[in-house]
Amino acid sequence: MNTVLDRIDAWQSTGLIDAATADRLRAAEASAAETSPADDASRPRPRTATSVAGSFFGPTPTIVEVFAYLGAGFFLGAWSAFVARLAGPTGGEVVMSAGSWLAAVVLLGLGLFLRGGDARRRRGAGAAILVAAIAGALGTDFLGRSLHVDDRLLMQLLDAGVAVAIASAGRRLLPAVTTQVALLAAVTGLGAAILAFLEPVISGTPSEIDFLQTQPADSILIRVVLPAIAWLVVALAIGLLGLREARSTDDPGRRRATVTRFWAGIVAVGGLASSAFRYGSLGDGNYGRLVEPWVADVVVIVLAAILLERALRRDSAAFMIAAAIGLVTALTDFNFSYLSESRDVGLVIEGVILLGVGFAADRLRRRLGSAGVERPSEPLPAAPGA
């Protein structure tokens, strides 16, 4: 029953409008009824968290694509088993190196072949390049073993450098979220390798801890402050890469910027926390935290506040999630260092911390989503709590 048409009939029967006017009104109503469904379908709908998470890496994977990834994984497993069998139970590092490098070359070629296709093929190309970077790093490590390079820190540095080279080439050939993740992981691994390589030289840390030797204050500061600064520099470099990606005007570019910002925040929080919470020899037979827990917690909370300010200024949910993780990390350490004397009390306080931070993060996420009227809100990356 059409209420508008009934009113038109009633108006005509009472003499409020003539027949010609009634016919024009009926025609206008019929035209509006025909066009309104199409208008509703074409009207942009708000993006929910589910749709954003599902489309972050491109279109929804099809059944064929899922089975293709599974089949490729079994092929890689079969190739690894075949190379390991050729290498034998002892030695065979040359064979393992050649097999890993051959897999890296084939995967790179597959990535180059697939990168010219549709969105799903390009996603497969990015996954192939990511695995190729891992295979290249493994091939370099096996080559170092075959050459009897005993310095493991040097080999870790070389492995990470090769991974960065392959990931950088893949990122240049195919700008995608998968290749961006490969590059970010390689850069993070290179930073960790450089830090591990330089730390014994800078801090003079012995290979074995002497619990009876008094540790000077400057040595303790160097063992904590320098690694923290190094990780913050790595995070800053990744953040600058995120700013470069943010200049893109297309959706793939914004997704790459999102994952880069999230990665930068996580590296900053994780690197600073691992340095500030570090254990070591305190001298006189004591072993414990090199920095007082409350001091370390305050430092991490300050970093979380900086990330939260960046999130509000940049309208970035990625920085907000990293800030929430940093806040949970600091409060958890403070809880188990000072507040809880028993496990059950500690777990209760930890639950309160998680609920409080989760509720606050959700409110801020809604604020970021409502503030993004003039510019689209940034999609959430796949991460714990996202």
Protein backbone atom coordinates (compact mmCIF):
# COMPACT_ATOMS: atom_id res chain seq x y z
CA MET A 1 0.00 0.00 0.00
CA ASN A 2 1.50 3.32 -1.14
CA THR A 3 0.55 6.07 1.32
CA VAL A 4 1.61 8.87 -1.04
CA LEU A 5 -0.59 7.61 -3.88
CA ASP A 6 -3.53 7.23 -1.46
CA ARG A 7 -3.13 10.84 -0.39
CA ILE A 8 -3.01 11.99 -3.99
CA ASP A 9 -6.27 10.13 -4.65
CA ALA A 10 -7.83 11.68 -1.54
CA TRP A 11 -6.75 15.18 -2.56
CA GLN A 12 -8.21 14.68 -6.02
CA SER A 13 -11.50 13.31 -4.68
CA THR A 14 -11.94 16.28 -2.31
CA GLY A 15 -11.13 18.78 -5.06
CA LEU A 16 -7.87 20.08 -3.61
CA ILE A 17 -6.05 19.27 -6.87
CA ASP A 18 -7.29 18.70 -10.40
CA ALA A 19 -6.79 15.56 -12.47
CA ALA A 20 -3.78 16.90 -14.39
CA THR A 21 -1.94 17.81 -11.18
CA ALA A 22 -2.78 14.41 -9.67
CA ASP A 23 -1.37 12.64 -12.74
CA ARG A 24 1.86 14.63 -12.52
CA LEU A 25 2.23 13.80 -8.83
CA ARG A 26 1.62 10.09 -9.50
CA ALA A 27 4.25 10.12 -12.27
CA ALA A 28 6.78 11.85 -9.98
CA GLU A 29 6.15 9.30 -7.22
CA ALA A 30 6.56 6.39 -9.63
CA SER A 31 9.86 7.83 -10.89
CA ALA A 32 11.16 8.30 -7.33
CA ALA A 33 10.22 4.72 -6.42
CA GLU A 34 12.16 3.36 -9.40
CA THR A 35 15.35 5.36 -8.78
CA SER A 36 15.62 5.20 -4.99
CA PRO A 37 16.91 1.57 -4.75
CA ALA A 38 19.70 2.34 -7.18
CA ASP A 39 20.58 5.49 -5.29
CA ASP A 40 20.74 3.54 -2.03
CA ALA A 41 22.98 0.92 -3.62
CA SER A 42 25.33 3.52 -5.07
CA ARG A 43 25.53 5.54 -1.87
CA PRO A 44 28.87 4.86 -0.09
CA ARG A 45 28.42 2.80 3.04
CA PRO A 46 30.52 3.27 6.16
CA ARG A 47 33.38 0.82 6.42
CA THR A 48 33.19 -1.44 9.43
CA ALA A 49 36.17 -2.90 11.24
CA THR A 50 35.44 -6.30 9.68
CA SER A 51 35.42 -4.97 6.14
CA VAL A 52 38.60 -2.95 6.76
CA ALA A 53 40.46 -5.95 8.20
CA GLY A 54 39.24 -8.17 5.37
CA SER A 55 40.32 -5.76 2.65
CA PHE A 56 43.63 -4.67 4.19
CA PHE A 57 45.66 -7.09 2.09
CA GLY A 58 43.43 -6.73 -0.95
CA PRO A 59 40.30 -8.57 -2.11
CA THR A 60 38.91 -11.48 -0.14
CA PRO A 61 40.90 -14.66 -0.92
CA THR A 62 39.06 -17.21 -3.02
CA ILE A 63 39.05 -20.96 -2.42
CA VAL A 64 41.35 -21.42 -5.40
CA GLU A 65 43.81 -18.87 -4.00
CA VAL A 66 43.84 -20.52 -0.57
CA PHE A 67 44.59 -23.92 -2.10
CA ALA A 68 47.28 -22.31 -4.27
CA TYR A 69 49.03 -20.99 -1.15
CA LEU A 70 48.73 -24.38 0.53
CA GLY A 71 50.12 -26.13 -2.52
CA ALA A 72 53.03 -23.69 -2.73
CA GLY A 73 53.78 -24.30 0.94
CA PHE A 74 53.91 -28.06 0.37
CA PHE A 75 56.20 -27.55 -2.64
CA LEU A 76 58.58 -25.50 -0.50
CA GLY A 77 58.48 -28.14 2.23
CA ALA A 78 59.21 -30.88 -0.29
CA TRP A 79 62.11 -28.90 -1.77
CA SER A 80 63.57 -28.26 1.69
CA ALA A 81 63.32 -31.95 2.56
CA PHE A 82 64.93 -32.92 -0.76
CA VAL A 83 67.84 -30.50 -0.28
CA ALA A 84 68.33 -31.66 3.32
CA ARG A 85 68.44 -35.28 2.14
CA LEU A 86 71.07 -34.41 -0.48
CA ALA A 87 73.12 -32.56 2.11
CA GLY A 88 73.19 -35.58 4.40
CA PRO A 89 73.23 -35.74 8.19
CA THR A 90 76.67 -34.10 8.52
CA GLY A 91 78.02 -31.14 6.60
CA GLY A 92 76.46 -30.33 3.25
CA GLU A 93 76.28 -26.58 3.89
CA VAL A 94 77.19 -25.92 0.25
CA VAL A 95 74.22 -27.98 -0.91
CA MET A 96 71.91 -26.25 1.57
CA SER A 97 73.15 -22.84 0.45
CA ALA A 98 72.68 -23.65 -3.23
CA GLY A 99 69.21 -25.06 -2.58
CA SER A 100 68.15 -21.98 -0.61
CA TRP A 101 69.46 -19.58 -3.24
CA LEU A 102 67.80 -21.55 -6.02
CA ALA A 103 64.49 -21.31 -4.15
CA ALA A 104 65.02 -17.56 -3.71
CA VAL A 105 65.68 -17.06 -7.44
CA VAL A 106 62.64 -19.13 -8.44
CA LEU A 107 60.41 -17.23 -6.01
CA LEU A 108 61.68 -13.89 -7.28
CA GLY A 109 60.95 -15.00 -10.84
CA LEU A 110 57.48 -16.09 -9.79
CA GLY A 111 56.93 -12.70 -8.19
CA LEU A 112 57.99 -10.91 -11.38
CA PHE A 113 55.62 -13.11 -13.40
CA LEU A 114 52.61 -12.54 -11.14
CA ARG A 115 53.06 -8.83 -10.48
CA GLY A 116 51.50 -7.86 -13.81
CA GLY A 117 48.18 -9.60 -13.09
CA ASP A 118 45.11 -8.66 -11.08
CA ALA A 119 45.01 -7.82 -7.37
CA ARG A 120 45.05 -11.45 -6.23
CA ARG A 121 48.00 -12.31 -8.48
CA ARG A 122 49.87 -9.27 -7.20
CA ARG A 123 49.22 -10.40 -3.63
CA GLY A 124 50.69 -13.79 -4.50
CA ALA A 125 53.68 -12.03 -6.05
CA GLY A 126 54.26 -10.12 -2.82
CA ALA A 127 54.10 -13.32 -0.76
CA ALA A 128 56.62 -14.94 -3.09
CA ILE A 129 59.02 -12.01 -2.71
CA LEU A 130 58.66 -12.11 1.08
CA VAL A 131 59.59 -15.81 1.19
CA ALA A 132 62.42 -15.17 -1.30
CA ALA A 133 63.99 -12.71 1.15
CA ILE A 134 63.90 -15.37 3.88
CA ALA A 135 65.38 -17.97 1.54
CA GLY A 136 68.18 -15.60 0.53
CA ALA A 137 69.08 -14.96 4.17
CA LEU A 138 69.16 -18.71 4.85
CA GLY A 139 71.32 -19.28 1.77
CA THR A 140 73.81 -16.67 3.00
CA ASP A 141 73.92 -18.26 6.43
CA PHE A 142 74.61 -21.72 5.01
CA LEU A 143 77.30 -20.23 2.75
CA GLY A 144 79.02 -18.68 5.76
CA ARG A 145 79.01 -22.03 7.53
CA SER A 146 80.50 -23.72 4.48
CA LEU A 147 83.29 -21.10 4.49
CA HIS A 148 83.84 -21.76 8.22
CA VAL A 149 83.00 -18.24 9.32
CA ASP A 150 82.94 -18.65 13.09
CA ASP A 151 81.80 -15.13 13.94
CA ARG A 152 78.04 -15.61 14.32
CA LEU A 153 77.43 -11.91 14.90
CA LEU A 154 79.07 -11.11 11.58
CA MET A 155 77.00 -13.78 9.85
CA GLN A 156 73.79 -12.40 11.34
CA LEU A 157 74.77 -9.01 9.95
CA LEU A 158 75.39 -10.46 6.48
CA ASP A 159 72.15 -12.47 6.54
CA ALA A 160 70.12 -9.39 7.44
CA GLY A 161 71.90 -7.32 4.79
CA VAL A 162 71.02 -9.83 2.07
CA ALA A 163 67.40 -9.91 3.26
CA VAL A 164 67.25 -6.10 3.10
CA ALA A 165 68.68 -6.12 -0.45
CA ILE A 166 66.16 -8.68 -1.72
CA ALA A 167 63.23 -7.05 0.08
CA SER A 168 64.19 -3.59 -1.20
CA ALA A 169 64.37 -4.85 -4.78
CA GLY A 170 61.02 -6.59 -4.38
CA ARG A 171 59.44 -3.49 -2.86
CA ARG A 172 60.66 -1.38 -5.78
CA LEU A 173 59.36 -3.87 -8.33
CA LEU A 174 56.02 -4.37 -6.58
CA PRO A 175 54.69 -1.73 -4.16
CA ALA A 176 52.33 -3.76 -1.96
CA VAL A 177 51.58 -4.43 1.70
CA THR A 178 53.29 -7.85 1.55
CA THR A 179 56.51 -6.46 0.09
CA GLN A 180 56.33 -3.60 2.59
CA VAL A 181 56.14 -6.12 5.43
CA ALA A 182 59.14 -7.96 3.97
CA LEU A 183 61.16 -4.73 3.83
CA LEU A 184 60.17 -3.69 7.36
CA ALA A 185 61.05 -7.10 8.81
CA ALA A 186 64.40 -7.08 7.01
CA VAL A 187 65.25 -3.57 8.21
CA THR A 188 64.32 -4.52 11.78
CA GLY A 189 66.48 -7.63 11.56
CA LEU A 190 69.36 -5.57 10.22
CA GLY A 191 69.03 -3.13 13.11
CA ALA A 192 69.06 -5.99 15.62
CA ALA A 193 72.10 -7.53 13.92
CA ILE A 194 74.02 -4.23 13.96
CA LEU A 195 73.18 -3.72 17.63
CA ALA A 196 74.26 -7.26 18.54
CA PHE A 197 77.49 -6.82 16.54
CA LEU A 198 78.44 -3.49 18.13
CA GLU A 199 77.30 -4.04 21.70
CA PRO A 200 80.33 -6.08 22.90
CA VAL A 201 82.65 -3.47 21.39
CA ILE A 202 80.81 -0.47 22.87
CA SER A 203 79.89 -1.74 26.30
CA GLY A 204 82.76 -4.15 26.82
CA THR A 205 80.31 -6.81 28.02
CA PRO A 206 82.21 -10.05 28.74
CA SER A 207 81.07 -13.32 27.26
CA GLU A 208 80.58 -14.69 30.79
CA ILE A 209 79.07 -12.66 33.63
CA ASP A 210 81.34 -12.05 36.59
CA PHE A 211 78.93 -11.72 39.49
CA LEU A 212 81.69 -10.67 41.93
CA GLN A 213 83.03 -7.81 39.81
CA THR A 214 81.46 -4.46 40.59
CA GLN A 215 79.83 -2.95 37.53
CA PRO A 216 80.56 0.77 37.08
CA ALA A 217 77.60 3.09 36.68
CA ASP A 218 78.67 4.27 33.24
CA SER A 219 78.87 0.66 32.04
CA ILE A 220 75.33 0.00 33.24
CA LEU A 221 74.09 3.15 31.52
CA ILE A 222 75.82 2.21 28.28
CA ARG A 223 74.32 -1.29 28.37
CA VAL A 224 70.84 0.24 28.74
CA VAL A 225 70.86 3.67 27.13
CA LEU A 226 72.77 2.92 23.94
CA PRO A 227 70.59 -0.07 22.90
CA ALA A 228 67.48 2.01 23.65
CA ILE A 229 68.74 4.87 21.50
CA ALA A 230 69.66 2.45 18.72
CA TRP A 231 66.16 0.94 18.66
CA LEU A 232 64.57 4.39 18.69
CA VAL A 233 66.74 5.36 15.71
CA VAL A 234 65.55 2.26 13.84
CA ALA A 235 61.95 3.11 14.71
CA LEU A 236 62.48 6.70 13.56
CA ALA A 237 63.87 5.51 10.23
CA ILE A 238 60.83 3.27 9.75
CA GLY A 239 58.56 6.16 10.75
CA LEU A 240 60.16 8.37 8.10
CA LEU A 241 59.47 5.63 5.59
CA GLY A 242 55.85 5.70 6.76
CA LEU A 243 55.70 9.45 6.15
CA ARG A 244 56.94 8.87 2.62
CA GLU A 245 54.27 6.23 2.04
CA ALA A 246 51.61 8.58 3.47
CA ARG A 247 52.13 10.90 0.49
CA SER A 248 50.38 8.36 -1.71
CA THR A 249 46.82 9.26 -2.65
CA ASP A 250 45.62 5.74 -3.50
CA ASP A 251 44.26 3.12 -1.08
CA PRO A 252 47.25 0.72 -1.42
CA GLY A 253 49.62 3.56 -0.51
CA ARG A 254 47.58 4.44 2.58
CA ARG A 255 47.56 0.79 3.63
CA ARG A 256 51.35 0.65 3.29
CA ALA A 257 51.61 3.82 5.36
CA THR A 258 49.40 2.27 8.04
CA VAL A 259 51.42 -0.92 8.39
CA THR A 260 54.67 1.09 8.37
CA ARG A 261 53.48 3.38 11.17
CA PHE A 262 52.30 0.42 13.21
CA TRP A 263 55.63 -1.33 12.70
CA ALA A 264 57.54 1.80 13.73
CA GLY A 265 55.52 2.09 16.93
CA ILE A 266 55.99 -1.57 17.83
CA VAL A 267 59.75 -1.40 17.19
CA ALA A 268 60.01 1.71 19.39
CA VAL A 269 58.01 0.14 22.23
CA GLY A 270 59.65 -3.28 22.01
CA GLY A 271 63.18 -1.95 21.64
CA LEU A 272 62.88 0.57 24.46
CA ALA A 273 61.20 -1.93 26.80
CA SER A 274 63.78 -4.66 26.10
CA SER A 275 66.58 -2.21 26.91
CA ALA A 276 64.97 -0.56 29.95
CA PHE A 277 63.88 -3.91 31.48
CA ARG A 278 67.29 -5.49 30.98
CA TYR A 279 68.87 -7.75 33.59
CA GLY A 280 72.58 -7.97 34.31
CA SER A 281 75.31 -8.27 36.89
CA LEU A 282 75.08 -5.60 39.60
CA GLY A 283 78.32 -6.62 41.29
CA ASP A 284 78.98 -8.17 44.72
CA GLY A 285 77.28 -11.36 43.60
CA ASN A 286 73.97 -9.67 42.75
CA TYR A 287 72.08 -10.10 39.52
CA GLY A 288 68.95 -8.13 38.66
CA ARG A 289 67.43 -5.21 36.80
CA LEU A 290 70.02 -2.70 35.65
CA VAL A 291 67.49 0.12 35.98
CA GLU A 292 64.89 0.49 38.70
CA PRO A 293 61.56 -0.88 37.43
CA TRP A 294 59.59 2.31 38.11
CA VAL A 295 62.12 4.38 36.15
CA ALA A 296 61.91 2.01 33.19
CA ASP A 297 58.10 2.02 33.38
CA VAL A 298 57.98 5.83 33.35
CA VAL A 299 60.21 5.91 30.26
CA VAL A 300 57.96 3.48 28.41
CA ILE A 301 54.83 5.42 29.45
CA VAL A 302 56.40 8.63 28.11
CA LEU A 303 56.99 6.87 24.78
CA ALA A 304 53.38 5.65 24.78
CA ALA A 305 52.22 9.24 25.38
CA ILE A 306 54.30 10.44 22.43
CA LEU A 307 52.80 7.73 20.20
CA LEU A 308 49.31 8.69 21.39
CA GLU A 309 49.99 12.33 20.49
CA ARG A 310 51.12 11.19 17.05
CA ALA A 311 47.95 9.12 16.72
CA LEU A 312 45.73 12.09 17.48
CA ARG A 313 47.70 14.49 15.31
CA ARG A 314 47.97 12.10 12.35
CA ASP A 315 44.54 10.55 12.85
CA SER A 316 46.38 7.22 12.89
CA ALA A 317 44.92 4.14 14.52
CA ALA A 318 48.26 2.38 13.97
CA PHE A 319 50.09 4.67 16.39
CA MET A 320 47.21 4.35 18.84
CA ILE A 321 47.53 0.55 18.97
CA ALA A 322 51.29 0.80 19.49
CA ALA A 323 50.70 3.31 22.30
CA ALA A 324 48.19 0.96 23.94
CA ILE A 325 50.68 -1.92 23.78
CA GLY A 326 53.34 0.29 25.35
CA LEU A 327 51.01 1.35 28.15
CA VAL A 328 50.03 -2.26 28.89
CA THR A 329 53.71 -3.28 28.90
CA ALA A 330 54.68 -0.58 31.42
CA LEU A 331 51.70 -1.11 33.71
CA THR A 332 52.18 -4.88 33.65
CA ASP A 333 55.83 -4.54 34.66
CA PHE A 334 54.91 -2.09 37.42
CA ASN A 335 52.18 -4.43 38.62
CA PHE A 336 54.37 -7.49 39.00
CA SER A 337 57.31 -5.46 40.33
CA TYR A 338 55.54 -3.52 43.09
CA LEU A 339 51.80 -4.13 43.47
CA SER A 340 51.19 -7.88 43.49
CA GLU A 341 52.67 -10.07 46.19
CA SER A 342 50.75 -13.16 45.05
CA ARG A 343 49.89 -14.58 41.67
CA ASP A 344 46.10 -14.30 42.03
CA VAL A 345 46.25 -10.63 43.03
CA GLY A 346 48.63 -9.94 40.18
CA LEU A 347 46.31 -11.58 37.67
CA VAL A 348 43.35 -9.56 38.94
CA ILE A 349 45.26 -6.30 38.61
CA GLU A 350 46.46 -7.36 35.17
CA GLY A 351 42.88 -7.99 34.10
CA VAL A 352 41.89 -4.52 35.28
CA ILE A 353 44.80 -3.03 33.33
CA LEU A 354 43.85 -4.82 30.13
CA LEU A 355 40.17 -3.91 30.44
CA GLY A 356 40.96 -0.26 31.17
CA VAL A 357 43.45 0.14 28.33
CA GLY A 358 41.19 -1.75 25.93
CA PHE A 359 38.19 0.44 26.78
CA ALA A 360 40.24 3.64 26.44
CA ALA A 361 41.71 2.47 23.12
CA ASP A 362 38.24 1.70 21.78
CA ARG A 363 36.98 5.15 22.76
CA LEU A 364 39.96 6.79 21.07
CA ARG A 365 39.47 4.64 17.97
CA ARG A 366 35.87 5.80 17.75
CA ARG A 367 37.05 9.37 18.17
CA LEU A 368 39.53 8.95 15.32
CA GLY A 369 36.83 7.40 13.16
CA SER A 370 34.37 10.24 13.85
CA ALA A 371 37.05 12.86 13.29
CA GLY A 372 37.90 11.48 9.86
CA VAL A 373 35.07 13.29 8.05
CA GLU A 374 37.18 15.30 5.64
CA ARG A 375 39.77 12.57 5.17
CA PRO A 376 39.11 8.82 5.43
CA SER A 377 40.00 7.15 8.67
CA GLU A 378 43.07 4.98 8.59
CA PRO A 379 42.41 1.22 8.52
CA LEU A 380 43.47 -0.85 11.46
CA PRO A 381 46.40 -3.20 10.86
CA ALA A 382 46.24 -6.85 11.85
CA ALA A 383 47.69 -6.84 15.25
CA PRO A 384 46.94 -7.99 18.79
CA GLY A 385 43.96 -6.05 20.04
CA ALA A 386 43.03 -4.73 16.56
